[in-house]
Amino acid sequence: MDIALEQPARARLITGEEREVPVPATLRYASTDPLAVYIDFPGEVSLDGRGATWTFARGLLETGLRGPAGDGDVHIWPCGDERTVVELHSPYGMALLQFDSGALRRFLLRTYAVVASGEEDLEAVVERGLSALFDGV
């Protein structure tokens, strides 16, 4: 059975002037893509007005809640006991966001209740990825 989770989350965008601007976000997880988590941002906070979705490894979120983690486009690290920083890099620039660590931990625990760590069906994930890659070839 396919299970999808969604959880609203309040983020704070850290600006160049060191101000914090509230940003609505939605954390998502799907049992059909058990290694990934998603963060959706609405159109009103994206550059093109269409919204944005960032996808990254569930394991990166878990590691980043305990200490600095990530390379490439997504970096995550704790900022004290109550906040976690998520740094997102794109060709258009970089965004630095702070989330409530407790909310991220609750979301992560909910994902593990759906698909436990180590219980991911990697064969199905690879099959879906190859199918999407070679669809129509």
N, C-alpha and C. Protein backbone atom coordinates (compact mmCIF):
# COMPACT_ATOMS: atom_id res chain seq x y z
N MET A 1 0.84 -1.18 0.00
CA MET A 1 0.00 0.00 0.00
C MET A 1 0.89 1.25 0.00
N ASP A 2 0.59 2.18 -0.90
CA ASP A 2 1.33 3.44 -0.98
C ASP A 2 0.82 4.40 0.09
N ILE A 3 1.75 4.97 0.83
CA ILE A 3 1.41 5.91 1.89
C ILE A 3 2.17 7.21 1.66
N ALA A 4 1.48 8.32 1.78
CA ALA A 4 2.11 9.64 1.65
C ALA A 4 1.86 10.43 2.92
N LEU A 5 2.88 11.15 3.36
CA LEU A 5 2.77 12.02 4.53
C LEU A 5 2.99 13.47 4.11
N GLU A 6 2.28 14.35 4.76
CA GLU A 6 2.52 15.79 4.60
C GLU A 6 2.46 16.42 5.97
N GLN A 7 3.34 17.38 6.20
CA GLN A 7 3.36 18.09 7.47
C GLN A 7 3.73 19.54 7.22
N PRO A 8 2.84 20.47 7.57
CA PRO A 8 3.20 21.88 7.44
C PRO A 8 4.38 22.20 8.36
N ALA A 9 5.21 23.10 7.92
CA ALA A 9 6.37 23.50 8.73
C ALA A 9 6.59 25.00 8.54
N ARG A 10 6.95 25.64 9.63
CA ARG A 10 7.30 27.05 9.55
C ARG A 10 8.81 27.18 9.47
N ALA A 11 9.25 27.83 8.43
CA ALA A 11 10.67 28.09 8.28
C ALA A 11 10.90 29.59 8.43
N ARG A 12 12.13 29.94 8.70
CA ARG A 12 12.53 31.34 8.76
C ARG A 12 13.68 31.51 7.78
N LEU A 13 13.47 32.35 6.78
CA LEU A 13 14.51 32.65 5.81
C LEU A 13 15.44 33.68 6.44
N ILE A 14 16.72 33.38 6.46
CA ILE A 14 17.72 34.30 7.00
C ILE A 14 18.22 35.15 5.84
N THR A 15 18.01 36.44 5.94
CA THR A 15 18.38 37.35 4.85
C THR A 15 19.80 37.85 5.02
N GLY A 16 20.29 38.53 3.98
CA GLY A 16 21.62 39.12 4.02
C GLY A 16 21.77 40.17 5.11
N GLU A 17 20.65 40.75 5.52
CA GLU A 17 20.66 41.75 6.59
C GLU A 17 20.50 41.10 7.96
N GLU A 18 20.62 39.76 7.99
CA GLU A 18 20.47 38.97 9.22
C GLU A 18 19.10 39.12 9.85
N ARG A 19 18.09 39.34 9.00
CA ARG A 19 16.71 39.33 9.47
C ARG A 19 16.14 37.95 9.22
N GLU A 20 15.08 37.61 9.95
CA GLU A 20 14.37 36.35 9.76
C GLU A 20 13.00 36.65 9.18
N VAL A 21 12.71 36.08 8.01
CA VAL A 21 11.44 36.27 7.34
C VAL A 21 10.68 34.94 7.38
N PRO A 22 9.46 34.91 7.94
CA PRO A 22 8.70 33.66 7.99
C PRO A 22 8.38 33.16 6.58
N VAL A 23 8.53 31.86 6.39
CA VAL A 23 8.27 31.22 5.10
C VAL A 23 7.47 29.94 5.36
N PRO A 24 6.29 29.82 4.75
CA PRO A 24 5.55 28.57 4.90
C PRO A 24 6.20 27.47 4.05
N ALA A 25 6.16 26.26 4.57
CA ALA A 25 6.71 25.12 3.84
C ALA A 25 5.88 23.89 4.19
N THR A 26 5.98 22.88 3.35
CA THR A 26 5.34 21.60 3.62
C THR A 26 6.39 20.51 3.47
N LEU A 27 6.52 19.69 4.50
CA LEU A 27 7.40 18.54 4.45
C LEU A 27 6.58 17.37 3.91
N ARG A 28 7.16 16.61 2.96
CA ARG A 28 6.44 15.48 2.38
C ARG A 28 7.32 14.25 2.32
N TYR A 29 6.64 13.10 2.38
CA TYR A 29 7.31 11.80 2.26
C TYR A 29 6.34 10.85 1.58
N ALA A 30 6.86 9.96 0.74
CA ALA A 30 6.03 8.97 0.06
C ALA A 30 6.69 7.61 0.15
N SER A 31 5.92 6.60 0.51
CA SER A 31 6.47 5.25 0.60
C SER A 31 6.94 4.75 -0.76
N THR A 32 6.45 5.34 -1.84
CA THR A 32 6.88 4.94 -3.18
C THR A 32 8.29 5.44 -3.51
N ASP A 33 8.80 6.39 -2.74
CA ASP A 33 10.16 6.92 -2.90
C ASP A 33 10.78 6.98 -1.50
N PRO A 34 11.03 5.81 -0.90
CA PRO A 34 11.32 5.75 0.53
C PRO A 34 12.65 6.36 0.98
N LEU A 35 13.54 6.63 0.06
CA LEU A 35 14.83 7.21 0.44
C LEU A 35 14.83 8.73 0.43
N ALA A 36 13.74 9.34 -0.03
CA ALA A 36 13.71 10.78 -0.23
C ALA A 36 12.70 11.47 0.68
N VAL A 37 12.98 12.73 0.97
CA VAL A 37 12.02 13.63 1.61
C VAL A 37 11.93 14.87 0.71
N TYR A 38 10.83 15.58 0.84
CA TYR A 38 10.57 16.75 0.00
C TYR A 38 10.21 17.93 0.88
N ILE A 39 10.64 19.11 0.46
CA ILE A 39 10.18 20.35 1.07
C ILE A 39 9.57 21.19 -0.04
N ASP A 40 8.29 21.51 0.12
CA ASP A 40 7.58 22.34 -0.87
C ASP A 40 7.45 23.76 -0.33
N PHE A 41 7.70 24.73 -1.21
CA PHE A 41 7.52 26.13 -0.89
C PHE A 41 6.48 26.70 -1.84
N PRO A 42 5.56 27.51 -1.35
CA PRO A 42 4.50 28.06 -2.21
C PRO A 42 5.04 29.13 -3.16
N GLY A 43 4.22 29.44 -4.18
CA GLY A 43 4.61 30.40 -5.20
C GLY A 43 4.97 31.77 -4.67
N GLU A 44 4.32 32.20 -3.60
CA GLU A 44 4.59 33.57 -3.13
C GLU A 44 5.99 33.76 -2.57
N VAL A 45 6.72 32.66 -2.35
CA VAL A 45 8.09 32.82 -1.84
C VAL A 45 9.14 32.36 -2.85
N SER A 46 8.71 32.00 -4.06
CA SER A 46 9.68 31.57 -5.07
C SER A 46 9.92 32.70 -6.08
N LEU A 47 11.04 32.62 -6.74
CA LEU A 47 11.41 33.67 -7.69
C LEU A 47 10.47 33.74 -8.88
N ASP A 48 9.97 32.60 -9.35
CA ASP A 48 9.13 32.59 -10.54
C ASP A 48 7.63 32.58 -10.23
N GLY A 49 7.29 32.55 -8.95
CA GLY A 49 5.89 32.57 -8.56
C GLY A 49 5.17 31.25 -8.70
N ARG A 50 5.88 30.19 -9.08
CA ARG A 50 5.25 28.89 -9.29
C ARG A 50 5.48 27.92 -8.14
N GLY A 51 6.20 28.32 -7.14
CA GLY A 51 6.52 27.41 -6.05
C GLY A 51 7.77 26.61 -6.38
N ALA A 52 8.27 25.93 -5.38
CA ALA A 52 9.49 25.14 -5.56
C ALA A 52 9.44 23.93 -4.66
N THR A 53 9.99 22.84 -5.14
CA THR A 53 10.12 21.62 -4.34
C THR A 53 11.58 21.21 -4.34
N TRP A 54 12.08 20.95 -3.15
CA TRP A 54 13.44 20.44 -2.99
C TRP A 54 13.33 18.99 -2.53
N THR A 55 14.11 18.12 -3.15
CA THR A 55 14.13 16.70 -2.82
C THR A 55 15.54 16.34 -2.39
N PHE A 56 15.64 15.62 -1.28
CA PHE A 56 16.94 15.16 -0.83
C PHE A 56 16.78 13.90 0.01
N ALA A 57 17.87 13.28 0.36
CA ALA A 57 17.86 12.00 1.05
C ALA A 57 17.30 12.12 2.46
N ARG A 58 16.46 11.17 2.80
CA ARG A 58 15.94 11.10 4.17
C ARG A 58 17.09 10.95 5.16
N GLY A 59 18.11 10.18 4.79
CA GLY A 59 19.28 10.02 5.65
C GLY A 59 20.02 11.32 5.88
N LEU A 60 20.02 12.22 4.90
CA LEU A 60 20.65 13.54 5.07
C LEU A 60 19.94 14.33 6.15
N LEU A 61 18.62 14.28 6.15
CA LEU A 61 17.86 14.98 7.19
C LEU A 61 18.19 14.41 8.56
N GLU A 62 18.22 13.09 8.66
CA GLU A 62 18.53 12.45 9.94
C GLU A 62 19.92 12.84 10.44
N THR A 63 20.90 12.77 9.56
CA THR A 63 22.27 13.11 9.94
C THR A 63 22.39 14.60 10.28
N GLY A 64 21.74 15.45 9.49
CA GLY A 64 21.81 16.89 9.70
C GLY A 64 21.17 17.36 10.99
N LEU A 65 20.24 16.59 11.53
CA LEU A 65 19.65 16.93 12.83
C LEU A 65 20.65 16.72 13.98
N ARG A 66 21.68 15.90 13.75
CA ARG A 66 22.67 15.60 14.79
C ARG A 66 23.98 16.38 14.62
N GLY A 67 24.29 16.76 13.37
CA GLY A 67 25.55 17.46 13.11
C GLY A 67 25.60 17.90 11.66
N PRO A 68 26.62 18.66 11.28
CA PRO A 68 26.71 19.15 9.91
C PRO A 68 26.70 17.99 8.90
N ALA A 69 25.88 18.14 7.86
CA ALA A 69 25.77 17.08 6.85
C ALA A 69 25.46 17.71 5.50
N GLY A 70 25.85 17.00 4.47
CA GLY A 70 25.50 17.40 3.11
C GLY A 70 26.67 17.90 2.32
N ASP A 71 26.55 17.67 1.04
CA ASP A 71 27.45 18.27 0.07
C ASP A 71 26.63 18.45 -1.19
N GLY A 72 27.03 19.34 -2.02
CA GLY A 72 26.20 19.62 -3.19
C GLY A 72 25.19 20.71 -2.90
N ASP A 73 23.94 20.48 -3.31
CA ASP A 73 22.91 21.52 -3.25
C ASP A 73 22.23 21.69 -1.90
N VAL A 74 22.32 20.69 -1.03
CA VAL A 74 21.62 20.75 0.25
C VAL A 74 22.59 20.45 1.39
N HIS A 75 22.60 21.36 2.37
CA HIS A 75 23.41 21.18 3.59
C HIS A 75 22.47 21.38 4.78
N ILE A 76 22.65 20.58 5.82
CA ILE A 76 21.79 20.67 7.00
C ILE A 76 22.67 20.57 8.24
N TRP A 77 22.37 21.39 9.26
CA TRP A 77 23.10 21.29 10.52
C TRP A 77 22.25 21.87 11.65
N PRO A 78 22.50 21.36 12.88
CA PRO A 78 21.77 21.91 14.02
C PRO A 78 22.30 23.29 14.37
N CYS A 79 21.39 24.13 14.87
CA CYS A 79 21.75 25.48 15.33
C CYS A 79 21.21 25.58 16.75
N GLY A 80 22.00 25.14 17.70
CA GLY A 80 21.51 25.04 19.07
C GLY A 80 20.62 23.82 19.21
N ASP A 81 19.85 23.78 20.30
CA ASP A 81 18.99 22.63 20.56
C ASP A 81 17.64 22.70 19.87
N GLU A 82 17.22 23.91 19.51
CA GLU A 82 15.84 24.08 19.04
C GLU A 82 15.69 24.35 17.55
N ARG A 83 16.76 24.67 16.86
CA ARG A 83 16.65 25.01 15.45
C ARG A 83 17.61 24.17 14.61
N THR A 84 17.21 23.97 13.37
CA THR A 84 18.05 23.28 12.39
C THR A 84 18.10 24.16 11.14
N VAL A 85 19.28 24.32 10.60
CA VAL A 85 19.48 25.13 9.41
C VAL A 85 19.49 24.22 8.18
N VAL A 86 18.77 24.64 7.16
CA VAL A 86 18.78 23.97 5.86
C VAL A 86 19.26 25.01 4.86
N GLU A 87 20.37 24.70 4.21
CA GLU A 87 20.96 25.60 3.20
C GLU A 87 20.73 24.98 1.83
N LEU A 88 20.07 25.73 0.95
CA LEU A 88 19.71 25.24 -0.38
C LEU A 88 20.45 26.07 -1.44
N HIS A 89 21.13 25.39 -2.35
CA HIS A 89 21.87 26.06 -3.42
C HIS A 89 21.23 25.75 -4.76
N SER A 90 21.04 26.78 -5.57
CA SER A 90 20.52 26.61 -6.93
C SER A 90 21.33 27.49 -7.86
N PRO A 91 21.12 27.37 -9.17
CA PRO A 91 21.83 28.26 -10.09
C PRO A 91 21.47 29.73 -9.86
N TYR A 92 20.36 30.00 -9.17
CA TYR A 92 19.91 31.38 -8.95
C TYR A 92 20.43 31.97 -7.65
N GLY A 93 21.03 31.16 -6.82
CA GLY A 93 21.55 31.66 -5.56
C GLY A 93 21.41 30.64 -4.44
N MET A 94 21.47 31.13 -3.23
CA MET A 94 21.44 30.28 -2.05
C MET A 94 20.39 30.81 -1.08
N ALA A 95 19.69 29.88 -0.42
CA ALA A 95 18.72 30.24 0.62
C ALA A 95 19.14 29.55 1.91
N LEU A 96 19.10 30.29 2.99
CA LEU A 96 19.43 29.78 4.32
C LEU A 96 18.15 29.84 5.14
N LEU A 97 17.67 28.67 5.56
CA LEU A 97 16.41 28.58 6.29
C LEU A 97 16.62 27.91 7.63
N GLN A 98 15.87 28.37 8.63
CA GLN A 98 15.88 27.71 9.93
C GLN A 98 14.51 27.09 10.17
N PHE A 99 14.53 25.84 10.64
CA PHE A 99 13.32 25.11 10.99
C PHE A 99 13.37 24.74 12.46
N ASP A 100 12.21 24.53 13.03
CA ASP A 100 12.12 24.00 14.39
C ASP A 100 12.61 22.55 14.37
N SER A 101 13.64 22.25 15.14
CA SER A 101 14.22 20.91 15.14
C SER A 101 13.20 19.85 15.57
N GLY A 102 12.36 20.19 16.54
CA GLY A 102 11.35 19.24 17.00
C GLY A 102 10.39 18.84 15.90
N ALA A 103 9.99 19.81 15.09
CA ALA A 103 9.07 19.52 13.97
C ALA A 103 9.75 18.60 12.96
N LEU A 104 11.02 18.85 12.66
CA LEU A 104 11.74 17.99 11.72
C LEU A 104 11.91 16.58 12.28
N ARG A 105 12.20 16.48 13.57
CA ARG A 105 12.33 15.15 14.20
C ARG A 105 11.02 14.38 14.17
N ARG A 106 9.91 15.07 14.47
CA ARG A 106 8.60 14.41 14.42
C ARG A 106 8.29 13.92 13.03
N PHE A 107 8.57 14.75 12.03
CA PHE A 107 8.35 14.34 10.65
C PHE A 107 9.19 13.11 10.31
N LEU A 108 10.45 13.14 10.68
CA LEU A 108 11.35 12.02 10.39
C LEU A 108 10.85 10.73 11.07
N LEU A 109 10.41 10.83 12.31
CA LEU A 109 9.87 9.65 13.01
C LEU A 109 8.63 9.12 12.30
N ARG A 110 7.79 10.02 11.80
CA ARG A 110 6.61 9.59 11.05
C ARG A 110 7.01 8.84 9.78
N THR A 111 8.09 9.29 9.10
CA THR A 111 8.52 8.60 7.88
C THR A 111 9.01 7.19 8.22
N TYR A 112 9.71 7.06 9.36
CA TYR A 112 10.22 5.74 9.75
C TYR A 112 9.09 4.81 10.21
N ALA A 113 7.99 5.37 10.64
CA ALA A 113 6.83 4.54 10.97
C ALA A 113 6.20 3.98 9.69
N VAL A 114 6.37 4.69 8.58
CA VAL A 114 5.84 4.22 7.29
C VAL A 114 6.79 3.20 6.67
N VAL A 115 8.08 3.56 6.58
CA VAL A 115 9.11 2.66 6.05
C VAL A 115 10.32 2.78 6.97
N ALA A 116 10.60 1.72 7.70
CA ALA A 116 11.71 1.73 8.65
C ALA A 116 13.05 1.84 7.92
N SER A 117 14.01 2.43 8.60
CA SER A 117 15.35 2.53 8.05
C SER A 117 15.88 1.12 7.79
N GLY A 118 16.41 0.90 6.60
CA GLY A 118 16.92 -0.41 6.22
C GLY A 118 15.88 -1.31 5.59
N GLU A 119 14.62 -0.90 5.65
CA GLU A 119 13.53 -1.69 5.07
C GLU A 119 13.07 -1.16 3.72
N GLU A 120 13.77 -0.17 3.19
CA GLU A 120 13.41 0.40 1.90
C GLU A 120 13.58 -0.65 0.81
N ASP A 121 12.63 -0.73 -0.11
CA ASP A 121 12.68 -1.66 -1.23
C ASP A 121 13.52 -1.03 -2.33
N LEU A 122 14.84 -1.23 -2.25
CA LEU A 122 15.75 -0.58 -3.18
C LEU A 122 15.56 -1.08 -4.62
N GLU A 123 15.21 -2.33 -4.77
CA GLU A 123 14.99 -2.87 -6.11
C GLU A 123 13.86 -2.12 -6.81
N ALA A 124 12.78 -1.87 -6.08
CA ALA A 124 11.64 -1.15 -6.66
C ALA A 124 12.03 0.30 -6.97
N VAL A 125 12.83 0.92 -6.10
CA VAL A 125 13.27 2.30 -6.33
C VAL A 125 14.11 2.38 -7.60
N VAL A 126 15.04 1.45 -7.76
CA VAL A 126 15.89 1.44 -8.95
C VAL A 126 15.04 1.17 -10.20
N GLU A 127 14.12 0.22 -10.10
CA GLU A 127 13.25 -0.09 -11.24
C GLU A 127 12.44 1.13 -11.68
N ARG A 128 11.85 1.85 -10.72
CA ARG A 128 11.07 3.05 -11.05
C ARG A 128 11.97 4.12 -11.67
N GLY A 129 13.16 4.28 -11.12
CA GLY A 129 14.09 5.29 -11.64
C GLY A 129 14.51 4.98 -13.07
N LEU A 130 14.83 3.72 -13.34
CA LEU A 130 15.22 3.33 -14.69
C LEU A 130 14.06 3.46 -15.66
N SER A 131 12.87 3.10 -15.20
CA SER A 131 11.69 3.22 -16.04
C SER A 131 11.44 4.68 -16.42
N ALA A 132 11.57 5.58 -15.44
CA ALA A 132 11.38 7.01 -15.72
C ALA A 132 12.46 7.53 -16.66
N LEU A 133 13.68 7.06 -16.45
CA LEU A 133 14.80 7.52 -17.27
C LEU A 133 14.66 7.08 -18.72
N PHE A 134 14.22 5.84 -18.93
CA PHE A 134 14.16 5.28 -20.28
C PHE A 134 12.76 5.23 -20.85
N ASP A 135 11.82 5.90 -20.21
CA ASP A 135 10.45 5.92 -20.70
C ASP A 135 10.40 6.47 -22.12
N GLY A 136 9.85 5.69 -23.01
CA GLY A 136 9.71 6.13 -24.39
C GLY A 136 10.93 5.86 -25.24
N VAL A 137 11.97 5.24 -24.69
CA VAL A 137 13.18 4.97 -25.48
C VAL A 137 13.04 3.62 -26.14
